[in-house]
Amino acid sequence: MIEKLIDIFNREGTITSCTFMSIVSEMGSLSEPVRISCSSLYLQIQEIYSNKLVADGFSKETANSIALMMNASIEGGIMLCLTEKASEPLKIISELLPNLLNKF
């Protein structure tokens, strides 16, 4: 998945359709329903990650923690790519995440 984000960024110079960060940062403080919807979407993404991790043998508690870290890392990586105008942050995350998962 991260590789797809890198490809989109390298091709288009931006990543607009894959993150809710801009919606939350611009509208979250103005509209509680928007904030709640974005929160729900983030939780759904984390649940997808968590379910995959549980299927791979992680405990539910560990999977939930890792899923949160993955979500935050990817979202933060997207923001860094946009501000740096470079795909390097996501490339680094893509390389480090598997190593981090192997340590659990």
Protein backbone atom coordinates (compact mmCIF):
# COMPACT_ATOMS: atom_id res chain seq x y z
CA MET A 1 0.00 0.00 0.00
CA ILE A 2 2.77 2.46 0.85
CA GLU A 3 4.39 1.73 -2.50
CA LYS A 4 1.14 2.78 -4.21
CA LEU A 5 1.19 6.07 -2.29
CA ILE A 6 4.80 6.63 -3.35
CA ASP A 7 3.86 5.93 -6.98
CA ILE A 8 0.93 8.37 -6.79
CA PHE A 9 3.16 11.07 -5.29
CA ASN A 10 5.93 10.53 -7.85
CA ARG A 11 3.43 10.60 -10.71
CA GLU A 12 1.19 13.46 -9.57
CA GLY A 13 3.38 15.41 -7.15
CA THR A 14 0.68 15.20 -4.50
CA ILE A 15 -1.44 12.75 -2.54
CA THR A 16 -4.96 14.08 -2.23
CA SER A 17 -7.35 11.17 -2.39
CA CYS A 18 -5.65 8.93 0.16
CA THR A 19 -5.70 10.95 3.35
CA PHE A 20 -8.23 12.62 5.60
CA MET A 21 -5.63 14.78 7.28
CA SER A 22 -6.44 17.91 5.29
CA ILE A 23 -10.14 17.56 6.02
CA VAL A 24 -9.54 17.13 9.74
CA SER A 25 -7.04 19.99 9.96
CA GLU A 26 -9.25 22.40 8.03
CA MET A 27 -12.75 21.40 9.10
CA GLY A 28 -12.38 19.33 12.26
CA SER A 29 -12.43 22.30 14.60
CA LEU A 30 -15.33 23.91 12.74
CA SER A 31 -17.60 20.94 12.28
CA GLU A 32 -18.09 18.21 14.86
CA PRO A 33 -19.86 15.90 12.35
CA VAL A 34 -16.87 16.16 9.98
CA ARG A 35 -14.44 15.44 12.82
CA ILE A 36 -16.48 12.44 13.92
CA SER A 37 -16.66 11.10 10.34
CA CYS A 38 -12.91 11.43 9.88
CA SER A 39 -12.30 9.76 13.23
CA SER A 40 -14.53 6.89 12.16
CA LEU A 41 -12.61 6.52 8.90
CA TYR A 42 -9.27 6.42 10.72
CA LEU A 43 -10.64 3.76 13.08
CA GLN A 44 -11.85 1.71 10.11
CA ILE A 45 -8.39 1.87 8.53
CA GLN A 46 -6.80 0.84 11.82
CA GLU A 47 -9.26 -2.04 12.09
CA ILE A 48 -8.21 -3.29 8.65
CA TYR A 49 -4.55 -3.20 9.70
CA SER A 50 -5.35 -4.78 13.08
CA ASN A 51 -7.39 -7.62 11.58
CA LYS A 52 -4.54 -8.45 9.18
CA LEU A 53 -2.04 -8.42 12.04
CA VAL A 54 -4.25 -10.71 14.16
CA ALA A 55 -4.55 -13.05 11.17
CA ASP A 56 -0.74 -13.03 11.02
CA GLY A 57 -0.54 -14.16 14.65
CA PHE A 58 -0.37 -10.97 16.71
CA SER A 59 -2.51 -10.66 19.82
CA LYS A 60 -5.48 -8.31 19.48
CA GLU A 61 -3.94 -5.80 21.91
CA THR A 62 -0.59 -5.75 20.12
CA ALA A 63 -2.29 -5.62 16.73
CA ASN A 64 -4.35 -2.61 17.79
CA SER A 65 -1.25 -0.78 19.01
CA ILE A 66 0.71 -1.56 15.86
CA ALA A 67 -2.24 -0.53 13.69
CA LEU A 68 -2.36 2.86 15.41
CA MET A 69 1.39 3.30 14.90
CA MET A 70 1.09 2.30 11.23
CA ASN A 71 -1.78 4.70 10.63
CA ALA A 72 0.05 7.58 12.32
CA SER A 73 3.29 6.78 10.47
CA ILE A 74 1.66 6.67 7.06
CA GLU A 75 -0.41 9.81 7.64
CA GLY A 76 2.65 11.63 8.98
CA GLY A 77 4.70 10.37 6.06
CA ILE A 78 2.14 11.73 3.61
CA MET A 79 2.27 15.14 5.30
CA LEU A 80 6.08 15.13 5.17
CA CYS A 81 6.04 14.17 1.48
CA LEU A 82 3.71 17.06 0.73
CA THR A 83 5.72 19.61 2.71
CA GLU A 84 9.11 18.39 1.43
CA LYS A 85 7.83 17.79 -2.13
CA ALA A 86 9.62 14.45 -2.06
CA SER A 87 8.58 10.82 -1.65
CA GLU A 88 11.52 9.96 0.61
CA PRO A 89 9.54 10.00 3.91
CA LEU A 90 7.15 7.30 2.67
CA LYS A 91 10.03 5.32 1.19
CA ILE A 92 11.76 5.28 4.57
CA ILE A 93 8.54 4.24 6.35
CA SER A 94 8.02 1.51 3.76
CA GLU A 95 11.51 0.17 4.44
CA LEU A 96 11.34 0.41 8.25
CA LEU A 97 7.82 -0.91 8.94
CA PRO A 98 8.56 -4.56 8.07
CA ASN A 99 11.65 -4.48 10.30
CA LEU A 100 9.65 -3.03 13.17
CA LEU A 101 6.94 -5.68 12.77
CA ASN A 102 9.55 -8.43 12.90
CA LYS A 103 10.63 -7.22 16.35
CA PHE A 104 7.21 -8.01 17.88
